[in-house]
C-alpha atoms as a PDB file:
ATOM      1  CA  MET A   1       5.114  14.581  17.328  1.00  0.00           C
ATOM      2  CA  ASN A   2       5.118  14.300  13.535  1.00  0.00           C
ATOM      3  CA  GLN A   3       6.694  10.956  12.645  1.00  0.00           C
ATOM      4  CA  LEU A   4       5.514   8.305  10.210  1.00  0.00           C
ATOM      5  CA  LEU A   5       6.696   4.756   9.578  1.00  0.00           C
ATOM      6  CA  LEU A   6       5.191   3.246   6.439  1.00  0.00           C
ATOM      7  CA  SER A   7       5.790  -0.026   4.625  1.00  0.00           C
ATOM      8  CA  ALA A   8       5.275   0.661   0.939  1.00  0.00           C
ATOM      9  CA  ARG A   9       6.543   0.018  -2.561  1.00  0.00           C
ATOM     10  CA  ILE A  10       7.916   2.586  -4.964  1.00  0.00           C
ATOM     11  CA  ALA A  11       5.235   3.081  -7.627  1.00  0.00           C
ATOM     12  CA  GLU A  12       6.767   6.091  -9.417  1.00  0.00           C
ATOM     13  CA  ALA A  13      10.061   7.944  -9.245  1.00  0.00           C
ATOM     14  CA  GLN A  14      10.870  11.245 -10.912  1.00  0.00           C
ATOM     15  CA  PRO A  15      14.398  11.835 -12.203  1.00  0.00           C
ATOM     16  CA  PRO A  16      16.706  13.173  -9.481  1.00  0.00           C
ATOM     17  CA  ARG A  17      17.082  16.946  -9.327  1.00  0.00           C
ATOM     18  CA  SER A  18      19.229  19.427  -7.445  1.00  0.00           C
ATOM     19  CA  THR A  19      17.888  21.957  -4.959  1.00  0.00           C
ATOM     20  CA  PRO A  20      19.128  25.571  -5.055  1.00  0.00           C
ATOM     21  CA  ALA A  21      21.383  24.595  -2.134  1.00  0.00           C
ATOM     22  CA  GLY A  22      22.943  21.849  -4.261  1.00  0.00           C
ATOM     23  CA  LEU A  23      21.309  18.861  -2.533  1.00  0.00           C
ATOM     24  CA  THR A  24      20.107  15.895  -4.539  1.00  0.00           C
ATOM     25  CA  ALA A  25      16.309  15.531  -4.317  1.00  0.00           C
ATOM     26  CA  ILE A  26      13.964  12.825  -5.575  1.00  0.00           C
ATOM     27  CA  ASP A  27      10.164  12.778  -5.731  1.00  0.00           C
ATOM     28  CA  LEU A  28       8.392   9.433  -5.327  1.00  0.00           C
ATOM     29  CA  LEU A  29       4.917   7.991  -5.281  1.00  0.00           C
ATOM     30  CA  LEU A  30       4.557   5.240  -2.672  1.00  0.00           C
ATOM     31  CA  GLU A  31       1.805   2.600  -2.550  1.00  0.00           C
ATOM     32  CA  HIS A  32       0.850   0.821   0.656  1.00  0.00           C
ATOM     33  CA  GLU A  33      -1.371  -2.247   1.113  1.00  0.00           C
ATOM     34  CA  SER A  34      -2.115  -4.015   4.392  1.00  0.00           C
ATOM     35  CA  GLN A  35      -4.870  -5.371   6.574  1.00  0.00           C
ATOM     36  CA  ALA A  36      -5.969  -3.591   9.767  1.00  0.00           C
ATOM     37  CA  THR A  37      -8.668  -4.145  12.342  1.00  0.00           C
ATOM     38  CA  GLU A  38     -11.125  -1.302  12.831  1.00  0.00           C
ATOM     39  CA  GLY A  39     -14.063  -1.567  15.211  1.00  0.00           C
ATOM     40  CA  GLY A  40     -13.270  -5.238  15.663  1.00  0.00           C
ATOM     41  CA  VAL A  41     -13.625  -5.901  11.920  1.00  0.00           C
ATOM     42  CA  PRO A  42     -10.669  -6.661   9.630  1.00  0.00           C
ATOM     43  CA  ARG A  43     -10.409  -4.427   6.593  1.00  0.00           C
ATOM     44  CA  GLN A  44      -8.116  -4.074   3.614  1.00  0.00           C
ATOM     45  CA  VAL A  45      -6.141  -0.816   3.633  1.00  0.00           C
ATOM     46  CA  ARG A  46      -4.701   0.810   0.512  1.00  0.00           C
ATOM     47  CA  ALA A  47      -3.034   4.196   0.320  1.00  0.00           C
ATOM     48  CA  THR A  48      -0.976   6.174  -2.168  1.00  0.00           C
ATOM     49  CA  LEU A  49       1.298   8.892  -0.810  1.00  0.00           C
ATOM     50  CA  ARG A  50       3.617  11.392  -2.425  1.00  0.00           C
ATOM     51  CA  ALA A  51       7.102  11.437  -0.918  1.00  0.00           C
ATOM     52  CA  VAL A  52      10.358  13.349  -1.245  1.00  0.00           C
ATOM     53  CA  ALA A  53      13.906  12.714  -0.053  1.00  0.00           C
ATOM     54  CA  PHE A  54      17.008  14.888  -0.003  1.00  0.00           C
ATOM     55  CA  GLY A  55      20.773  14.444   0.186  1.00  0.00           C
ATOM     56  CA  GLU A  56      22.246  11.024   0.919  1.00  0.00           C
ATOM     57  CA  VAL A  57      18.820   9.395   1.317  1.00  0.00           C
ATOM     58  CA  ALA A  58      17.788  10.657  -2.146  1.00  0.00           C
ATOM     59  CA  GLN A  59      21.025   9.344  -3.641  1.00  0.00           C
ATOM     60  CA  ARG A  60      20.374   5.891  -2.167  1.00  0.00           C
ATOM     61  CA  LEU A  61      16.731   5.890  -3.336  1.00  0.00           C
ATOM     62  CA  GLN A  62      17.536   6.827  -6.935  1.00  0.00           C
ATOM     63  CA  SER A  63      19.268   3.489  -7.495  1.00  0.00           C
ATOM     64  CA  LEU A  64      16.194   1.444  -6.473  1.00  0.00           C
ATOM     65  CA  ALA A  65      13.879  -0.101  -9.061  1.00  0.00           C
ATOM     66  CA  LEU A  66      10.171   0.586  -9.300  1.00  0.00           C
ATOM     67  CA  GLY A  67       8.292  -1.957  -7.207  1.00  0.00           C
ATOM     68  CA  THR A  68      10.967  -2.066  -4.510  1.00  0.00           C
ATOM     69  CA  GLU A  69       9.420  -2.501  -1.057  1.00  0.00           C
ATOM     70  CA  ALA A  70      10.819  -0.750   1.991  1.00  0.00           C
ATOM     71  CA  ALA A  71       9.955   0.620   5.409  1.00  0.00           C
ATOM     72  CA  PHE A  72      10.093   4.405   5.063  1.00  0.00           C
ATOM     73  CA  SER A  73      10.505   6.708   8.052  1.00  0.00           C
ATOM     74  CA  GLY A  74      10.021  10.461   8.068  1.00  0.00           C
ATOM     75  CA  PHE A  75       7.581  13.278   8.704  1.00  0.00           C
ATOM     76  CA  LEU A  76       4.515  14.709   6.983  1.00  0.00           C
ATOM     77  CA  ALA A  77       4.388  18.248   5.619  1.00  0.00           C
ATOM     78  CA  ALA A  78       2.043  20.275   3.442  1.00  0.00           C
ATOM     79  CA  ALA A  79       2.621  19.920  -0.274  1.00  0.00           C
ATOM     80  CA  PRO A  80       4.393  22.782  -2.046  1.00  0.00           C
ATOM     81  CA  ARG A  81       2.433  25.993  -2.628  1.00  0.00           C
ATOM     82  CA  ASN A  82       0.748  24.993  -5.898  1.00  0.00           C
ATOM     83  CA  ALA A  83      -0.105  21.424  -4.902  1.00  0.00           C
ATOM     84  CA  LYS A  84      -2.701  20.010  -2.536  1.00  0.00           C
ATOM     85  CA  GLY A  85      -2.353  17.349   0.118  1.00  0.00           C
ATOM     86  CA  ILE A  86       0.559  16.159   2.179  1.00  0.00           C
ATOM     87  CA  VAL A  87       4.008  14.799   1.382  1.00  0.00           C
ATOM     88  CA  LEU A  88       6.103  12.287   3.310  1.00  0.00           C
ATOM     89  CA  HIS A  89       9.619  13.661   3.786  1.00  0.00           C
ATOM     90  CA  ILE A  90      11.710  10.483   3.921  1.00  0.00           C
ATOM     91  CA  GLN A  91      14.533  10.636   6.451  1.00  0.00           C
ATOM     92  CA  SER A  92      15.510   6.962   6.328  1.00  0.00           C
ATOM     93  CA  PHE A  93      14.414   3.638   4.868  1.00  0.00           C
ATOM     94  CA  GLU A  94      15.170  -0.066   5.118  1.00  0.00           C
ATOM     95  CA  LEU A  95      14.527  -2.578   2.357  1.00  0.00           C
ATOM     96  CA  THR A  96      12.031  -5.267   3.313  1.00  0.00           C
END
């Protein structure tokens, strides 16, 4: 199963765009900070993740300010052909 739930804040947001199919799309950069226990030892966790949303979810996200914190839910996919890494495809979110 490919499903991710991530609490993060919006660090960057590109201007909304339209896909060839006419869907609204928005590209984001999300920043996560938390504490986790690994091997019985607490550690500080920080991660930055590229994300994208389409349609109604993208329309809702475009009205949020930078720094907004939310719980994002979606799936991971390879970045587009010319980019490296992975991208979170946001399917839903809840403000925290």
